[in-house]
N, C-alpha and C. Protein backbone atom coordinates (compact mmCIF):
# COMPACT_ATOMS: atom_id res chain seq x y z
N UNK A 1 -9.14 8.16 -7.09
CA UNK A 1 -8.97 8.76 -6.18
C UNK A 1 -7.72 8.97 -5.68
N UNK A 2 -6.90 7.55 -5.68
CA UNK A 2 -5.60 7.17 -5.24
C UNK A 2 -4.78 8.20 -6.47
N UNK A 3 -5.25 8.34 -6.98
CA UNK A 3 -4.23 8.90 -8.39
C UNK A 3 -4.09 9.95 -8.47
N UNK A 4 -5.36 10.63 -8.28
CA UNK A 4 -5.50 12.40 -7.96
C UNK A 4 -4.70 12.50 -6.27
N UNK A 5 -4.85 11.59 -5.54
CA UNK A 5 -4.09 12.15 -4.21
C UNK A 5 -2.83 12.05 -4.76
N UNK A 6 -2.01 11.09 -5.05
CA UNK A 6 -0.81 10.91 -5.56
C UNK A 6 -0.15 12.25 -6.27
N UNK A 7 -1.07 12.77 -7.04
CA UNK A 7 -0.77 13.74 -8.05
C UNK A 7 -0.76 15.26 -7.20
N UNK A 8 -1.43 15.24 -6.06
CA UNK A 8 -1.37 16.43 -5.35
C UNK A 8 -0.14 16.28 -4.11
N UNK A 9 0.43 15.03 -4.21
CA UNK A 9 1.72 14.88 -3.40
C UNK A 9 1.83 14.17 -2.16
N UNK A 10 0.28 13.58 -2.04
CA UNK A 10 -0.27 12.65 -0.81
C UNK A 10 0.20 11.49 -0.97
N UNK A 11 1.07 10.60 -0.23
CA UNK A 11 1.22 9.48 0.06
C UNK A 11 0.38 8.52 0.33
N UNK A 12 0.13 7.52 0.06
CA UNK A 12 -0.62 6.22 0.73
C UNK A 12 0.48 5.38 1.05
N UNK A 13 0.43 4.84 2.41
CA UNK A 13 1.48 4.09 2.80
C UNK A 13 0.91 2.98 3.62
N UNK A 14 1.11 1.68 3.02
CA UNK A 14 0.03 0.47 3.51
C UNK A 14 1.05 -0.20 4.62
N UNK A 15 0.97 -0.39 5.66
CA UNK A 15 2.22 -0.73 6.61
C UNK A 15 1.45 -2.55 7.15
N UNK A 16 0.41 -3.09 6.64
CA UNK A 16 -0.23 -4.39 7.10
C UNK A 16 -1.00 -4.81 5.89
N UNK A 17 -0.16 -5.78 5.10
CA UNK A 17 -0.66 -6.22 4.21
C UNK A 17 -0.31 -7.91 3.99
N UNK A 18 -1.50 -8.66 3.90
CA UNK A 18 -0.93 -10.06 3.74
C UNK A 18 -0.87 -10.45 2.18
N UNK A 19 -0.49 -11.42 1.73
CA UNK A 19 -0.84 -11.92 0.27
C UNK A 19 -1.77 -11.63 -0.23
N UNK A 20 -2.96 -12.00 0.16
CA UNK A 20 -4.18 -11.76 -0.28
C UNK A 20 -4.34 -10.31 -0.70
N UNK A 21 -4.11 -9.42 0.07
CA UNK A 21 -4.44 -8.12 0.17
C UNK A 21 -3.11 -7.60 -0.88
N UNK A 22 -2.20 -8.02 -0.74
CA UNK A 22 -1.11 -7.81 -2.12
C UNK A 22 -2.07 -8.18 -3.47
N UNK A 23 -2.35 -9.35 -3.33
CA UNK A 23 -2.91 -9.86 -4.51
C UNK A 23 -3.95 -9.04 -5.21
N UNK A 24 -5.01 -8.45 -4.19
CA UNK A 24 -6.02 -7.47 -4.60
C UNK A 24 -5.57 -6.23 -4.89
N UNK A 25 -4.54 -5.52 -4.45
CA UNK A 25 -3.88 -4.66 -4.66
C UNK A 25 -3.44 -4.53 -6.20
N UNK A 26 -2.64 -5.52 -6.69
CA UNK A 26 -2.13 -5.97 -7.80
C UNK A 26 -3.12 -6.04 -8.66
N UNK A 27 -4.04 -6.66 -8.61
CA UNK A 27 -5.31 -6.92 -9.41
C UNK A 27 -6.09 -5.88 -10.03
N UNK A 28 -5.79 -4.65 -9.10
CA UNK A 28 -6.68 -3.37 -8.90
C UNK A 28 -5.95 -2.31 -9.60
N UNK A 29 -4.65 -2.65 -10.02
CA UNK A 29 -3.78 -1.96 -10.52
C UNK A 29 -3.23 -0.75 -9.40
N UNK A 30 -3.12 -1.17 -8.28
CA UNK A 30 -2.79 -0.18 -7.45
C UNK A 30 -1.28 -0.20 -7.01
N UNK A 31 -0.59 -1.46 -6.86
CA UNK A 31 0.48 -1.30 -6.19
C UNK A 31 1.74 -0.28 -6.92
N UNK A 32 1.28 0.29 -8.10
CA UNK A 32 2.62 1.39 -8.35
C UNK A 32 2.26 2.78 -7.53
N UNK A 33 0.86 2.63 -6.98
CA UNK A 33 0.33 4.18 -6.40
C UNK A 33 0.43 3.72 -4.89
N UNK A 34 0.69 2.74 -4.33
CA UNK A 34 1.16 2.37 -2.76
C UNK A 34 2.37 2.33 -2.16
N UNK A 35 2.92 2.51 -1.12
CA UNK A 35 4.01 2.25 -0.51
C UNK A 35 3.88 1.31 0.54
N UNK A 36 4.08 -0.49 0.14
CA UNK A 36 3.70 -1.26 0.87
C UNK A 36 4.86 -1.86 1.62
N UNK A 37 4.82 -1.54 2.52
CA UNK A 37 6.16 -1.60 3.58
C UNK A 37 6.42 -3.66 3.87
N UNK A 38 7.73 -3.53 3.43
CA UNK A 38 8.24 -4.90 3.31
C UNK A 38 9.05 -5.63 4.57
N UNK A 39 8.77 -4.63 5.58
CA UNK A 39 9.62 -5.01 6.99
C UNK A 39 8.82 -5.49 8.17
N UNK A 40 9.21 -6.38 8.66
CA UNK A 40 8.49 -6.80 9.96
C UNK A 40 8.03 -5.90 10.81
N UNK A 41 7.15 -5.96 11.36
CA UNK A 41 6.34 -4.72 12.74
C UNK A 41 7.21 -5.35 13.97
N UNK A 42 7.76 -4.45 14.67
CA UNK A 42 7.98 -4.66 16.20
C UNK A 42 7.50 -5.45 16.93
N UNK A 43 7.52 -6.06 17.97
CA UNK A 43 6.90 -6.84 18.83
C UNK A 43 5.60 -5.98 19.62
N UNK A 44 4.58 -6.42 19.62
CA UNK A 44 3.37 -6.15 20.68
C UNK A 44 2.44 -4.93 19.40
N UNK A 45 2.81 -5.07 17.91
CA UNK A 45 2.05 -3.84 17.23
C UNK A 45 1.39 -4.64 16.40
């Protein structure tokens, strides 16, 4: 489903991903399909 969405120009952006979630994305082969933010979130979010 993500590959089909990406081929249609749909972007998937991940804004909150801890180390465990990143590991799961990697094991599933999804890291190249996702835009995973590396920056810290502003206070209060």
